[in-house]
Amino acid sequence: MSNKSVGEFISKLREEKGLTEKELGEKLGITEKKYFRVGKKCFNA
């Protein structure tokens, strides 16, 4: 699975659960800013 596919998969699941990026970041133990940076890398790979 490519990085872009992983990023899209995570975004889809997050949206299905009704979570914001901030809420998912909190559940993962990372900041919203860090979540955004990781996601951006996935989509731009």
C-alpha atoms as a PDB file:
ATOM      1  CA  MET A   1       0.000   0.000   0.000  1.00  0.00           C
ATOM      2  CA  SER A   2       1.460   3.372  -0.969  1.00  0.00           C
ATOM      3  CA  ASN A   3       1.823   6.276   1.465  1.00  0.00           C
ATOM      4  CA  LYS A   4      -0.942   8.136  -0.361  1.00  0.00           C
ATOM      5  CA  SER A   5      -3.287   5.143  -0.005  1.00  0.00           C
ATOM      6  CA  VAL A   6      -2.523   4.917   3.718  1.00  0.00           C
ATOM      7  CA  GLY A   7      -3.244   8.627   4.176  1.00  0.00           C
ATOM      8  CA  GLU A   8      -6.521   8.367   2.286  1.00  0.00           C
ATOM      9  CA  PHE A   9      -7.503   5.277   4.289  1.00  0.00           C
ATOM     10  CA  ILE A  10      -6.838   7.018   7.617  1.00  0.00           C
ATOM     11  CA  SER A  11      -8.759  10.126   6.521  1.00  0.00           C
ATOM     12  CA  LYS A  12     -11.719   8.013   5.422  1.00  0.00           C
ATOM     13  CA  LEU A  13     -11.844   6.121   8.720  1.00  0.00           C
ATOM     14  CA  ARG A  14     -11.460   9.339  10.722  1.00  0.00           C
ATOM     15  CA  GLU A  15     -14.369  10.924   8.855  1.00  0.00           C
ATOM     16  CA  GLU A  16     -16.534   7.794   9.220  1.00  0.00           C
ATOM     17  CA  LYS A  17     -15.994   7.942  12.991  1.00  0.00           C
ATOM     18  CA  GLY A  18     -16.882  11.651  12.997  1.00  0.00           C
ATOM     19  CA  LEU A  19     -13.521  12.673  14.441  1.00  0.00           C
ATOM     20  CA  THR A  20     -11.650  15.875  13.744  1.00  0.00           C
ATOM     21  CA  GLU A  21      -7.910  15.800  13.099  1.00  0.00           C
ATOM     22  CA  LYS A  22      -7.433  17.235  16.580  1.00  0.00           C
ATOM     23  CA  GLU A  23      -9.575  14.526  18.217  1.00  0.00           C
ATOM     24  CA  LEU A  24      -7.761  11.724  16.386  1.00  0.00           C
ATOM     25  CA  GLY A  25      -4.411  13.266  17.278  1.00  0.00           C
ATOM     26  CA  GLU A  26      -5.408  13.310  20.947  1.00  0.00           C
ATOM     27  CA  LYS A  27      -6.413   9.641  20.763  1.00  0.00           C
ATOM     28  CA  LEU A  28      -3.046   8.851  19.170  1.00  0.00           C
ATOM     29  CA  GLY A  29      -1.162  10.932  21.711  1.00  0.00           C
ATOM     30  CA  ILE A  30       0.103  13.492  19.187  1.00  0.00           C
ATOM     31  CA  THR A  31      -0.715  17.125  18.507  1.00  0.00           C
ATOM     32  CA  GLU A  32      -3.015  18.250  15.717  1.00  0.00           C
ATOM     33  CA  LYS A  33       0.002  19.946  14.119  1.00  0.00           C
ATOM     34  CA  LYS A  34       1.995  16.685  14.099  1.00  0.00           C
ATOM     35  CA  TYR A  35      -1.002  14.776  12.699  1.00  0.00           C
ATOM     36  CA  PHE A  36      -1.289  17.348   9.906  1.00  0.00           C
ATOM     37  CA  ARG A  37       2.427  17.082   9.052  1.00  0.00           C
ATOM     38  CA  VAL A  38       2.302  13.290   8.887  1.00  0.00           C
ATOM     39  CA  GLY A  39      -0.860  13.372   6.788  1.00  0.00           C
ATOM     40  CA  LYS A  40       0.613  15.929   4.427  1.00  0.00           C
ATOM     41  CA  LYS A  41       3.648  13.701   3.872  1.00  0.00           C
ATOM     42  CA  CYS A  42       1.374  10.760   3.060  1.00  0.00           C
ATOM     43  CA  PHE A  43      -0.628  12.684   0.482  1.00  0.00           C
ATOM     44  CA  ASN A  44       2.421  14.278  -1.164  1.00  0.00           C
ATOM     45  CA  ALA A  45       4.498  11.115  -1.408  1.00  0.00           C
END
